[in-house]
Amino acid sequence: MTGKYGTSERPESGRLVDDPRYVDRYDLDTDFATADQFTEFAKKLDVKAATLAVAWTMSRPDVTGAIIGAQNLTQLEDSLAALDVEMTSDLRGRSPRYRQPRLPTAPRP
């Protein structure tokens, strides 16, 4: 949710392009459109998309913890900023509706 993926931003290389397990699971136009919608929603709230994504995840009653994949200090700070976002039921209700997760398409190593 850093903004590097979207309907007009596709990676040239990396796991989403090179690994068939990821291609089968995530390389759908709807996935990139979802990223765009979520990023726009976060902008309207004046919050970074990564921050809002972690806050949204942490607000779910069926989630015990958010797993973040920060690769640098800025990404870590964006994720930790989720602690300052109050994810109210009203805010959750206004957030765009997203697709249901798909089951893995290939055995995991």
N, C-alpha and C. Protein backbone atom coordinates (compact mmCIF):
# COMPACT_ATOMS: atom_id res chain seq x y z
N MET A 1 0.81 -1.19 0.00
CA MET A 1 0.00 0.00 0.00
C MET A 1 0.86 1.26 0.00
N THR A 2 2.01 1.17 -0.63
CA THR A 2 2.87 2.35 -0.70
C THR A 2 2.60 3.19 -1.93
N GLY A 3 1.71 2.74 -2.79
CA GLY A 3 1.39 3.49 -4.00
C GLY A 3 2.16 3.03 -5.22
N LYS A 4 2.99 2.01 -5.05
CA LYS A 4 3.77 1.57 -6.21
C LYS A 4 2.99 0.61 -7.11
N TYR A 5 1.82 0.15 -6.67
CA TYR A 5 0.97 -0.70 -7.48
C TYR A 5 -0.38 -0.05 -7.67
N GLY A 6 -0.93 -0.15 -8.86
CA GLY A 6 -2.25 0.38 -9.17
C GLY A 6 -2.57 0.08 -10.62
N THR A 7 -3.72 0.56 -11.07
CA THR A 7 -4.12 0.27 -12.45
C THR A 7 -3.16 0.89 -13.46
N SER A 8 -2.51 1.98 -13.08
CA SER A 8 -1.55 2.61 -14.00
C SER A 8 -0.11 2.38 -13.57
N GLU A 9 0.09 1.69 -12.46
CA GLU A 9 1.43 1.39 -11.95
C GLU A 9 1.57 -0.11 -11.74
N ARG A 10 2.29 -0.76 -12.62
CA ARG A 10 2.52 -2.20 -12.50
C ARG A 10 4.01 -2.45 -12.41
N PRO A 11 4.42 -3.40 -11.60
CA PRO A 11 5.84 -3.69 -11.48
C PRO A 11 6.38 -4.36 -12.74
N GLU A 12 7.65 -4.09 -13.06
CA GLU A 12 8.29 -4.74 -14.20
C GLU A 12 8.92 -6.05 -13.80
N SER A 13 9.30 -6.16 -12.54
CA SER A 13 9.88 -7.40 -12.03
C SER A 13 9.54 -7.51 -10.56
N GLY A 14 9.84 -8.67 -10.01
CA GLY A 14 9.54 -8.92 -8.60
C GLY A 14 8.56 -10.06 -8.47
N ARG A 15 8.20 -10.37 -7.23
CA ARG A 15 7.39 -11.56 -6.98
C ARG A 15 6.03 -11.50 -7.67
N LEU A 16 5.45 -10.31 -7.84
CA LEU A 16 4.14 -10.23 -8.48
C LEU A 16 4.20 -10.49 -9.98
N VAL A 17 5.40 -10.50 -10.52
CA VAL A 17 5.58 -10.74 -11.95
C VAL A 17 6.29 -12.07 -12.19
N ASP A 18 7.27 -12.38 -11.36
CA ASP A 18 8.15 -13.52 -11.61
C ASP A 18 7.71 -14.83 -10.98
N ASP A 19 6.92 -14.80 -9.94
CA ASP A 19 6.53 -16.01 -9.23
C ASP A 19 5.10 -16.38 -9.59
N PRO A 20 4.91 -17.53 -10.27
CA PRO A 20 3.56 -17.92 -10.71
C PRO A 20 2.54 -17.98 -9.58
N ARG A 21 2.98 -18.33 -8.37
CA ARG A 21 2.03 -18.39 -7.26
C ARG A 21 1.43 -17.02 -6.97
N TYR A 22 2.25 -15.98 -7.06
CA TYR A 22 1.76 -14.63 -6.82
C TYR A 22 0.97 -14.11 -8.02
N VAL A 23 1.42 -14.44 -9.22
CA VAL A 23 0.71 -14.00 -10.42
C VAL A 23 -0.70 -14.56 -10.42
N ASP A 24 -0.84 -15.85 -10.13
CA ASP A 24 -2.16 -16.48 -10.11
C ASP A 24 -3.07 -15.89 -9.05
N ARG A 25 -2.48 -15.48 -7.94
CA ARG A 25 -3.30 -15.03 -6.82
C ARG A 25 -3.60 -13.53 -6.84
N TYR A 26 -2.65 -12.70 -7.30
CA TYR A 26 -2.81 -11.26 -7.14
C TYR A 26 -2.84 -10.44 -8.42
N ASP A 27 -2.50 -11.00 -9.54
CA ASP A 27 -2.39 -10.19 -10.76
C ASP A 27 -3.72 -10.08 -11.48
N LEU A 28 -4.68 -9.48 -10.82
CA LEU A 28 -5.98 -9.25 -11.42
C LEU A 28 -6.24 -7.75 -11.49
N ASP A 29 -6.94 -7.33 -12.52
CA ASP A 29 -7.26 -5.90 -12.63
C ASP A 29 -8.03 -5.41 -11.41
N THR A 30 -8.88 -6.28 -10.85
CA THR A 30 -9.65 -5.87 -9.68
C THR A 30 -8.74 -5.59 -8.48
N ASP A 31 -7.65 -6.33 -8.36
CA ASP A 31 -6.72 -6.10 -7.26
C ASP A 31 -6.06 -4.73 -7.38
N PHE A 32 -5.65 -4.38 -8.58
CA PHE A 32 -5.01 -3.08 -8.79
C PHE A 32 -6.02 -1.94 -8.64
N ALA A 33 -7.25 -2.17 -9.07
CA ALA A 33 -8.30 -1.16 -8.90
C ALA A 33 -8.59 -0.97 -7.40
N THR A 34 -8.59 -2.06 -6.64
CA THR A 34 -8.79 -1.97 -5.20
C THR A 34 -7.70 -1.12 -4.56
N ALA A 35 -6.46 -1.33 -4.97
CA ALA A 35 -5.35 -0.53 -4.43
C ALA A 35 -5.56 0.95 -4.74
N ASP A 36 -5.99 1.26 -5.95
CA ASP A 36 -6.27 2.65 -6.32
C ASP A 36 -7.38 3.25 -5.46
N GLN A 37 -8.47 2.51 -5.28
CA GLN A 37 -9.61 3.00 -4.49
C GLN A 37 -9.19 3.26 -3.04
N PHE A 38 -8.44 2.33 -2.49
CA PHE A 38 -8.03 2.47 -1.10
C PHE A 38 -7.08 3.66 -0.94
N THR A 39 -6.18 3.84 -1.88
CA THR A 39 -5.24 4.96 -1.83
C THR A 39 -5.98 6.29 -1.91
N GLU A 40 -6.98 6.38 -2.78
CA GLU A 40 -7.78 7.61 -2.88
C GLU A 40 -8.57 7.87 -1.61
N PHE A 41 -9.12 6.83 -1.01
CA PHE A 41 -9.85 6.96 0.25
C PHE A 41 -8.92 7.49 1.34
N ALA A 42 -7.71 6.96 1.41
CA ALA A 42 -6.74 7.41 2.42
C ALA A 42 -6.37 8.87 2.19
N LYS A 43 -6.20 9.27 0.93
CA LYS A 43 -5.86 10.66 0.63
C LYS A 43 -6.95 11.61 1.13
N LYS A 44 -8.21 11.22 0.96
CA LYS A 44 -9.31 12.06 1.43
C LYS A 44 -9.28 12.25 2.94
N LEU A 45 -8.72 11.27 3.64
CA LEU A 45 -8.62 11.34 5.10
C LEU A 45 -7.30 11.97 5.54
N ASP A 46 -6.45 12.32 4.57
CA ASP A 46 -5.13 12.88 4.84
C ASP A 46 -4.27 11.92 5.65
N VAL A 47 -4.33 10.65 5.24
CA VAL A 47 -3.56 9.59 5.87
C VAL A 47 -2.89 8.79 4.76
N LYS A 48 -1.71 8.30 5.00
CA LYS A 48 -1.06 7.46 4.00
C LYS A 48 -1.79 6.13 3.91
N ALA A 49 -1.83 5.58 2.71
CA ALA A 49 -2.56 4.33 2.48
C ALA A 49 -2.02 3.21 3.35
N ALA A 50 -0.72 3.12 3.49
CA ALA A 50 -0.12 2.06 4.32
C ALA A 50 -0.57 2.20 5.77
N THR A 51 -0.63 3.43 6.26
CA THR A 51 -1.07 3.69 7.63
C THR A 51 -2.52 3.24 7.81
N LEU A 52 -3.37 3.63 6.88
CA LEU A 52 -4.78 3.27 6.97
C LEU A 52 -4.98 1.76 6.83
N ALA A 53 -4.19 1.12 5.99
CA ALA A 53 -4.31 -0.32 5.82
C ALA A 53 -4.00 -1.06 7.11
N VAL A 54 -2.96 -0.63 7.81
CA VAL A 54 -2.61 -1.27 9.08
C VAL A 54 -3.69 -0.98 10.12
N ALA A 55 -4.18 0.25 10.18
CA ALA A 55 -5.24 0.60 11.13
C ALA A 55 -6.50 -0.21 10.85
N TRP A 56 -6.86 -0.36 9.58
CA TRP A 56 -8.04 -1.13 9.19
C TRP A 56 -7.87 -2.59 9.62
N THR A 57 -6.68 -3.13 9.38
CA THR A 57 -6.41 -4.52 9.76
C THR A 57 -6.49 -4.71 11.26
N MET A 58 -5.88 -3.79 12.02
CA MET A 58 -5.88 -3.90 13.47
C MET A 58 -7.26 -3.73 14.08
N SER A 59 -8.18 -3.09 13.35
CA SER A 59 -9.52 -2.86 13.89
C SER A 59 -10.45 -4.06 13.72
N ARG A 60 -10.01 -5.04 12.96
CA ARG A 60 -10.86 -6.21 12.71
C ARG A 60 -10.85 -7.13 13.92
N PRO A 61 -12.02 -7.55 14.39
CA PRO A 61 -12.06 -8.40 15.58
C PRO A 61 -11.48 -9.80 15.34
N ASP A 62 -11.40 -10.22 14.09
CA ASP A 62 -10.89 -11.55 13.80
C ASP A 62 -9.38 -11.56 13.55
N VAL A 63 -8.72 -10.44 13.75
CA VAL A 63 -7.28 -10.34 13.54
C VAL A 63 -6.60 -10.09 14.88
N THR A 64 -5.60 -10.90 15.20
CA THR A 64 -4.90 -10.73 16.47
C THR A 64 -3.69 -9.81 16.35
N GLY A 65 -3.20 -9.60 15.16
CA GLY A 65 -2.06 -8.71 14.97
C GLY A 65 -1.83 -8.45 13.50
N ALA A 66 -1.33 -7.26 13.21
CA ALA A 66 -1.02 -6.90 11.82
C ALA A 66 0.44 -7.24 11.53
N ILE A 67 0.66 -7.91 10.44
CA ILE A 67 2.03 -8.23 10.01
C ILE A 67 2.44 -7.17 9.01
N ILE A 68 3.48 -6.44 9.33
CA ILE A 68 3.96 -5.40 8.43
C ILE A 68 5.25 -5.85 7.79
N GLY A 69 5.51 -5.36 6.61
CA GLY A 69 6.72 -5.74 5.87
C GLY A 69 7.58 -4.55 5.56
N ALA A 70 7.86 -3.74 6.56
CA ALA A 70 8.65 -2.53 6.35
C ALA A 70 10.06 -2.89 5.88
N GLN A 71 10.48 -2.22 4.82
CA GLN A 71 11.83 -2.43 4.29
C GLN A 71 12.75 -1.26 4.59
N ASN A 72 12.19 -0.19 5.17
CA ASN A 72 13.02 0.95 5.53
C ASN A 72 12.31 1.71 6.66
N LEU A 73 13.00 2.70 7.20
CA LEU A 73 12.47 3.43 8.35
C LEU A 73 11.18 4.18 8.02
N THR A 74 11.08 4.74 6.83
CA THR A 74 9.87 5.46 6.44
C THR A 74 8.66 4.53 6.44
N GLN A 75 8.82 3.35 5.88
CA GLN A 75 7.71 2.40 5.86
C GLN A 75 7.34 1.95 7.26
N LEU A 76 8.33 1.78 8.13
CA LEU A 76 8.05 1.42 9.51
C LEU A 76 7.27 2.53 10.21
N GLU A 77 7.69 3.77 10.01
CA GLU A 77 6.99 4.90 10.62
C GLU A 77 5.56 5.01 10.11
N ASP A 78 5.36 4.78 8.81
CA ASP A 78 4.01 4.81 8.25
C ASP A 78 3.13 3.74 8.89
N SER A 79 3.67 2.56 9.10
CA SER A 79 2.90 1.48 9.71
C SER A 79 2.61 1.78 11.17
N LEU A 80 3.59 2.27 11.90
CA LEU A 80 3.39 2.57 13.32
C LEU A 80 2.42 3.73 13.53
N ALA A 81 2.30 4.61 12.54
CA ALA A 81 1.35 5.73 12.63
C ALA A 81 -0.08 5.24 12.71
N ALA A 82 -0.32 3.98 12.37
CA ALA A 82 -1.66 3.41 12.47
C ALA A 82 -2.16 3.41 13.91
N LEU A 83 -1.24 3.43 14.85
CA LEU A 83 -1.65 3.47 16.26
C LEU A 83 -2.38 4.76 16.60
N ASP A 84 -2.19 5.80 15.78
CA ASP A 84 -2.83 7.10 16.01
C ASP A 84 -4.12 7.27 15.22
N VAL A 85 -4.49 6.28 14.42
CA VAL A 85 -5.72 6.36 13.62
C VAL A 85 -6.84 5.67 14.38
N GLU A 86 -7.90 6.42 14.65
CA GLU A 86 -9.05 5.83 15.32
C GLU A 86 -9.99 5.28 14.25
N MET A 87 -9.98 3.98 14.11
CA MET A 87 -10.81 3.33 13.09
C MET A 87 -12.18 3.07 13.68
N THR A 88 -13.05 4.05 13.56
CA THR A 88 -14.40 3.97 14.10
C THR A 88 -15.29 3.12 13.18
N SER A 89 -16.43 2.73 13.69
CA SER A 89 -17.37 1.97 12.86
C SER A 89 -17.86 2.83 11.69
N ASP A 90 -17.99 4.14 11.93
CA ASP A 90 -18.38 5.05 10.86
C ASP A 90 -17.32 5.07 9.75
N LEU A 91 -16.06 5.16 10.14
CA LEU A 91 -14.98 5.17 9.15
C LEU A 91 -14.92 3.85 8.40
N ARG A 92 -15.06 2.75 9.12
CA ARG A 92 -15.08 1.44 8.45
C ARG A 92 -16.26 1.36 7.48
N GLY A 93 -17.39 1.93 7.85
CA GLY A 93 -18.56 1.91 6.98
C GLY A 93 -18.39 2.74 5.72
N ARG A 94 -17.59 3.80 5.81
CA ARG A 94 -17.36 4.65 4.64
C ARG A 94 -16.24 4.13 3.75
N SER A 95 -15.47 3.18 4.25
CA SER A 95 -14.35 2.68 3.43
C SER A 95 -14.90 1.87 2.26
N PRO A 96 -14.21 1.91 1.14
CA PRO A 96 -14.66 1.15 -0.04
C PRO A 96 -14.75 -0.34 0.28
N ARG A 97 -15.67 -1.00 -0.38
CA ARG A 97 -15.83 -2.44 -0.21
C ARG A 97 -14.82 -3.16 -1.08
N TYR A 98 -14.20 -4.16 -0.51
CA TYR A 98 -13.15 -4.89 -1.22
C TYR A 98 -13.55 -6.34 -1.41
N ARG A 99 -12.90 -6.97 -2.33
CA ARG A 99 -13.20 -8.36 -2.64
C ARG A 99 -12.81 -9.26 -1.48
N GLN A 100 -13.40 -10.44 -1.45
CA GLN A 100 -13.04 -11.43 -0.45
C GLN A 100 -11.71 -12.07 -0.84
N PRO A 101 -10.87 -12.39 0.12
CA PRO A 101 -9.60 -13.03 -0.21
C PRO A 101 -9.81 -14.38 -0.86
N ARG A 102 -8.92 -14.72 -1.76
CA ARG A 102 -8.96 -16.01 -2.42
C ARG A 102 -8.06 -16.98 -1.68
N LEU A 103 -8.39 -18.25 -1.76
CA LEU A 103 -7.54 -19.27 -1.17
C LEU A 103 -6.27 -19.41 -2.01
N PRO A 104 -5.18 -19.88 -1.41
CA PRO A 104 -3.95 -20.07 -2.17
C PRO A 104 -4.20 -20.99 -3.37
N THR A 105 -3.56 -20.66 -4.48
CA THR A 105 -3.74 -21.44 -5.70
C THR A 105 -2.70 -22.53 -5.86
N ALA A 106 -1.67 -22.50 -5.03
CA ALA A 106 -0.61 -23.48 -5.13
C ALA A 106 -0.14 -23.85 -3.72
N PRO A 107 0.37 -25.04 -3.57
CA PRO A 107 0.88 -25.43 -2.24
C PRO A 107 1.99 -24.47 -1.81
N ARG A 108 2.03 -24.20 -0.56
CA ARG A 108 3.08 -23.33 -0.02
C ARG A 108 4.29 -24.17 0.35
N PRO A 109 5.47 -23.64 0.05
CA PRO A 109 6.69 -24.44 0.37
C PRO A 109 6.88 -24.60 1.86
